[in-house]
Amino acid sequence: MGKTLCKLVDDDYLDEHFKGYSELVKSPNYICKKCGRASNDEKKLCKPKKIKE
């Protein structure tokens, strides 16, 4: 599963693997400057930017 969240959603990953997807977005530390998705793994975003605490 080396794809970004954008690609995973396009490939219907969310519909088929909801639990796995939800683990990627739980307690996010990064937000994608391209699409606005958030993740706890910067490698899962197209253009990640650290969320400041």
PDB file of N, CA and C in Angstrom:
ATOM      1  N   MET A   1       0.842  -1.194   0.000  1.00  0.00           N
ATOM      2  CA  MET A   1       0.000   0.000   0.000  1.00  0.00           C
ATOM      3  C   MET A   1       0.879   1.246   0.000  1.00  0.00           C
ATOM      4  N   GLY A   2       1.648   1.466  -1.068  1.00  0.00           N
ATOM      5  CA  GLY A   2       2.531   2.606  -1.158  1.00  0.00           C
ATOM      6  C   GLY A   2       1.908   3.800  -1.857  1.00  0.00           C
ATOM      7  N   LYS A   3       0.620   3.773  -2.096  1.00  0.00           N
ATOM      8  CA  LYS A   3      -0.051   4.848  -2.812  1.00  0.00           C
ATOM      9  C   LYS A   3      -0.475   5.967  -1.863  1.00  0.00           C
ATOM     10  N   THR A   4      -0.685   7.157  -2.422  1.00  0.00           N
ATOM     11  CA  THR A   4      -1.182   8.274  -1.619  1.00  0.00           C
ATOM     12  C   THR A   4      -2.676   8.093  -1.363  1.00  0.00           C
ATOM     13  N   LEU A   5      -3.189   8.836  -0.401  1.00  0.00           N
ATOM     14  CA  LEU A   5      -4.616   8.747  -0.084  1.00  0.00           C
ATOM     15  C   LEU A   5      -5.471   9.111  -1.296  1.00  0.00           C
ATOM     16  N   CYS A   6      -5.027  10.092  -2.080  1.00  0.00           N
ATOM     17  CA  CYS A   6      -5.783  10.474  -3.283  1.00  0.00           C
ATOM     18  C   CYS A   6      -5.951   9.273  -4.200  1.00  0.00           C
ATOM     19  N   LYS A   7      -4.857   8.573  -4.453  1.00  0.00           N
ATOM     20  CA  LYS A   7      -4.890   7.423  -5.354  1.00  0.00           C
ATOM     21  C   LYS A   7      -5.691   6.271  -4.753  1.00  0.00           C
ATOM     22  N   LEU A   8      -5.564   6.072  -3.450  1.00  0.00           N
ATOM     23  CA  LEU A   8      -6.317   4.997  -2.804  1.00  0.00           C
ATOM     24  C   LEU A   8      -7.823   5.211  -2.942  1.00  0.00           C
ATOM     25  N   VAL A   9      -8.271   6.449  -2.764  1.00  0.00           N
ATOM     26  CA  VAL A   9      -9.699   6.740  -2.890  1.00  0.00           C
ATOM     27  C   VAL A   9     -10.136   6.554  -4.337  1.00  0.00           C
ATOM     28  N   ASP A  10      -9.317   6.997  -5.286  1.00  0.00           N
ATOM     29  CA  ASP A  10      -9.643   6.803  -6.710  1.00  0.00           C
ATOM     30  C   ASP A  10      -9.749   5.318  -7.056  1.00  0.00           C
ATOM     31  N   ASP A  11      -8.958   4.495  -6.397  1.00  0.00           N
ATOM     32  CA  ASP A  11      -8.962   3.053  -6.657  1.00  0.00           C
ATOM     33  C   ASP A  11      -9.998   2.300  -5.820  1.00  0.00           C
ATOM     34  N   ASP A  12     -10.925   2.999  -5.180  1.00  0.00           N
ATOM     35  CA  ASP A  12     -11.980   2.408  -4.350  1.00  0.00           C
ATOM     36  C   ASP A  12     -11.449   1.683  -3.114  1.00  0.00           C
ATOM     37  N   TYR A  13     -10.237   1.997  -2.696  1.00  0.00           N
ATOM     38  CA  TYR A  13      -9.663   1.374  -1.501  1.00  0.00           C
ATOM     39  C   TYR A  13     -10.523   1.671  -0.275  1.00  0.00           C
ATOM     40  N   LEU A  14     -11.007   2.903  -0.163  1.00  0.00           N
ATOM     41  CA  LEU A  14     -11.813   3.304   0.992  1.00  0.00           C
ATOM     42  C   LEU A  14     -13.043   2.419   1.139  1.00  0.00           C
ATOM     43  N   ASP A  15     -13.726   2.141   0.033  1.00  0.00           N
ATOM     44  CA  ASP A  15     -14.922   1.304   0.084  1.00  0.00           C
ATOM     45  C   ASP A  15     -14.608  -0.127   0.515  1.00  0.00           C
ATOM     46  N   GLU A  16     -13.478  -0.638   0.065  1.00  0.00           N
ATOM     47  CA  GLU A  16     -13.138  -2.031   0.321  1.00  0.00           C
ATOM     48  C   GLU A  16     -12.330  -2.263   1.599  1.00  0.00           C
ATOM     49  N   HIS A  17     -11.622  -1.235   2.081  1.00  0.00           N
ATOM     50  CA  HIS A  17     -10.738  -1.381   3.247  1.00  0.00           C
ATOM     51  C   HIS A  17     -10.911  -0.209   4.213  1.00  0.00           C
ATOM     52  N   PHE A  18     -12.116   0.028   4.638  1.00  0.00           N
ATOM     53  CA  PHE A  18     -12.413   1.191   5.480  1.00  0.00           C
ATOM     54  C   PHE A  18     -11.563   1.228   6.750  1.00  0.00           C
ATOM     55  N   LYS A  19     -11.410   0.097   7.416  1.00  0.00           N
ATOM     56  CA  LYS A  19     -10.655   0.068   8.674  1.00  0.00           C
ATOM     57  C   LYS A  19      -9.191   0.464   8.454  1.00  0.00           C
ATOM     58  N   GLY A  20      -8.562  -0.083   7.419  1.00  0.00           N
ATOM     59  CA  GLY A  20      -7.175   0.256   7.118  1.00  0.00           C
ATOM     60  C   GLY A  20      -7.007   1.723   6.764  1.00  0.00           C
ATOM     61  N   TYR A  21      -7.952   2.246   5.982  1.00  0.00           N
ATOM     62  CA  TYR A  21      -7.912   3.662   5.602  1.00  0.00           C
ATOM     63  C   TYR A  21      -8.084   4.539   6.828  1.00  0.00           C
ATOM     64  N   SER A  22      -9.015   4.170   7.706  1.00  0.00           N
ATOM     65  CA  SER A  22      -9.259   5.002   8.885  1.00  0.00           C
ATOM     66  C   SER A  22      -8.042   5.066   9.799  1.00  0.00           C
ATOM     67  N   GLU A  23      -7.216   4.016   9.814  1.00  0.00           N
ATOM     68  CA  GLU A  23      -5.976   4.041  10.599  1.00  0.00           C
ATOM     69  C   GLU A  23      -4.993   5.075  10.047  1.00  0.00           C
ATOM     70  N   LEU A  24      -5.013   5.288   8.739  1.00  0.00           N
ATOM     71  CA  LEU A  24      -4.109   6.259   8.120  1.00  0.00           C
ATOM     72  C   LEU A  24      -4.488   7.700   8.428  1.00  0.00           C
ATOM     73  N   VAL A  25      -5.758   7.936   8.719  1.00  0.00           N
ATOM     74  CA  VAL A  25      -6.213   9.311   8.938  1.00  0.00           C
ATOM     75  C   VAL A  25      -6.521   9.619  10.400  1.00  0.00           C
ATOM     76  N   LYS A  26      -6.344   8.609  11.263  1.00  0.00           N
ATOM     77  CA  LYS A  26      -6.591   8.825  12.685  1.00  0.00           C
ATOM     78  C   LYS A  26      -5.445   9.642  13.281  1.00  0.00           C
ATOM     79  N   SER A  27      -5.761  10.664  14.039  1.00  0.00           N
ATOM     80  CA  SER A  27      -4.768  11.533  14.681  1.00  0.00           C
ATOM     81  C   SER A  27      -3.747  12.053  13.673  1.00  0.00           C
ATOM     82  N   PRO A  28      -4.190  12.806  12.668  1.00  0.00           N
ATOM     83  CA  PRO A  28      -3.272  13.255  11.617  1.00  0.00           C
ATOM     84  C   PRO A  28      -2.232  14.263  12.109  1.00  0.00           C
ATOM     85  N   ASN A  29      -1.037  14.155  11.547  1.00  0.00           N
ATOM     86  CA  ASN A  29       0.048  15.095  11.812  1.00  0.00           C
ATOM     87  C   ASN A  29       0.398  15.912  10.576  1.00  0.00           C
ATOM     88  N   TYR A  30      -0.168  15.520   9.432  1.00  0.00           N
ATOM     89  CA  TYR A  30       0.138  16.168   8.158  1.00  0.00           C
ATOM     90  C   TYR A  30      -1.146  16.426   7.385  1.00  0.00           C
ATOM     91  N   ILE A  31      -1.117  17.492   6.574  1.00  0.00           N
ATOM     92  CA  ILE A  31      -2.226  17.805   5.686  1.00  0.00           C
ATOM     93  C   ILE A  31      -1.661  17.989   4.282  1.00  0.00           C
ATOM     94  N   CYS A  32      -2.395  17.570   3.282  1.00  0.00           N
ATOM     95  CA  CYS A  32      -1.954  17.690   1.903  1.00  0.00           C
ATOM     96  C   CYS A  32      -2.310  19.085   1.389  1.00  0.00           C
ATOM     97  N   LYS A  33      -1.316  19.794   0.891  1.00  0.00           N
ATOM     98  CA  LYS A  33      -1.546  21.140   0.353  1.00  0.00           C
ATOM     99  C   LYS A  33      -2.257  21.087  -0.999  1.00  0.00           C
ATOM    100  N   LYS A  34      -2.332  19.909  -1.606  1.00  0.00           N
ATOM    101  CA  LYS A  34      -2.994  19.771  -2.912  1.00  0.00           C
ATOM    102  C   LYS A  34      -4.485  19.477  -2.765  1.00  0.00           C
ATOM    103  N   CYS A  35      -4.828  18.478  -1.946  1.00  0.00           N
ATOM    104  CA  CYS A  35      -6.224  18.040  -1.888  1.00  0.00           C
ATOM    105  C   CYS A  35      -6.899  18.289  -0.537  1.00  0.00           C
ATOM    106  N   GLY A  36      -6.119  18.586   0.496  1.00  0.00           N
ATOM    107  CA  GLY A  36      -6.701  18.865   1.809  1.00  0.00           C
ATOM    108  C   GLY A  36      -6.900  17.643   2.677  1.00  0.00           C
ATOM    109  N   ARG A  37      -6.545  16.462   2.193  1.00  0.00           N
ATOM    110  CA  ARG A  37      -6.654  15.266   3.028  1.00  0.00           C
ATOM    111  C   ARG A  37      -5.613  15.340   4.141  1.00  0.00           C
ATOM    112  N   ALA A  38      -5.877  14.640   5.241  1.00  0.00           N
ATOM    113  CA  ALA A  38      -4.960  14.629   6.380  1.00  0.00           C
ATOM    114  C   ALA A  38      -4.577  13.190   6.709  1.00  0.00           C
ATOM    115  N   SER A  39      -3.355  13.006   7.231  1.00  0.00           N
ATOM    116  CA  SER A  39      -2.873  11.664   7.545  1.00  0.00           C
ATOM    117  C   SER A  39      -1.831  11.732   8.652  1.00  0.00           C
ATOM    118  N   ASN A  40      -1.634  10.602   9.312  1.00  0.00           N
ATOM    119  CA  ASN A  40      -0.572  10.505  10.303  1.00  0.00           C
ATOM    120  C   ASN A  40       0.735  10.057   9.654  1.00  0.00           C
ATOM    121  N   ASP A  41       0.728   9.793   8.337  1.00  0.00           N
ATOM    122  CA  ASP A  41       1.908   9.362   7.587  1.00  0.00           C
ATOM    123  C   ASP A  41       2.103  10.293   6.397  1.00  0.00           C
ATOM    124  N   GLU A  42       3.153  11.095   6.424  1.00  0.00           N
ATOM    125  CA  GLU A  42       3.375  12.070   5.353  1.00  0.00           C
ATOM    126  C   GLU A  42       3.574  11.418   3.989  1.00  0.00           C
ATOM    127  N   LYS A  43       4.001  10.166   3.960  1.00  0.00           N
ATOM    128  CA  LYS A  43       4.224   9.461   2.700  1.00  0.00           C
ATOM    129  C   LYS A  43       2.917   9.124   1.995  1.00  0.00           C
ATOM    130  N   LYS A  44       1.806   9.259   2.673  1.00  0.00           N
ATOM    131  CA  LYS A  44       0.496   8.962   2.093  1.00  0.00           C
ATOM    132  C   LYS A  44      -0.164  10.192   1.480  1.00  0.00           C
ATOM    133  N   LEU A  45       0.553  11.326   1.459  1.00  0.00           N
ATOM    134  CA  LEU A  45      -0.001  12.568   0.924  1.00  0.00           C
ATOM    135  C   LEU A  45       0.836  13.055  -0.248  1.00  0.00           C
ATOM    136  N   CYS A  46       0.192  13.694  -1.231  1.00  0.00           N
ATOM    137  CA  CYS A  46       0.884  14.187  -2.423  1.00  0.00           C
ATOM    138  C   CYS A  46       1.842  15.330  -2.089  1.00  0.00           C
ATOM    139  N   LYS A  47       1.349  16.301  -1.328  1.00  0.00           N
ATOM    140  CA  LYS A  47       2.158  17.468  -0.963  1.00  0.00           C
ATOM    141  C   LYS A  47       1.984  17.712   0.544  1.00  0.00           C
ATOM    142  N   PRO A  48       2.623  16.885   1.387  1.00  0.00           N
ATOM    143  CA  PRO A  48       2.409  16.979   2.831  1.00  0.00           C
ATOM    144  C   PRO A  48       3.006  18.228   3.457  1.00  0.00           C
ATOM    145  N   LYS A  49       2.317  18.717   4.447  1.00  0.00           N
ATOM    146  CA  LYS A  49       2.805  19.827   5.271  1.00  0.00           C
ATOM    147  C   LYS A  49       2.479  19.475   6.709  1.00  0.00           C
ATOM    148  N   LYS A  50       3.473  19.588   7.584  1.00  0.00           N
ATOM    149  CA  LYS A  50       3.306  19.261   9.009  1.00  0.00           C
ATOM    150  C   LYS A  50       2.285  20.208   9.623  1.00  0.00           C
ATOM    151  N   ILE A  51       1.376  19.658  10.393  1.00  0.00           N
ATOM    152  CA  ILE A  51       0.398  20.451  11.136  1.00  0.00           C
ATOM    153  C   ILE A  51       1.094  20.908  12.414  1.00  0.00           C
ATOM    154  N   LYS A  52       1.134  22.197  12.629  1.00  0.00           N
ATOM    155  CA  LYS A  52       1.788  22.724  13.832  1.00  0.00           C
ATOM    156  C   LYS A  52       0.891  22.545  15.035  1.00  0.00           C
ATOM    157  N   GLU A  53       1.496  22.194  16.139  1.00  0.00           N
ATOM    158  CA  GLU A  53       0.739  22.006  17.387  1.00  0.00           C
ATOM    159  C   GLU A  53       0.805  23.251  18.222  1.00  0.00           C
TER     160      GLU A  53
END
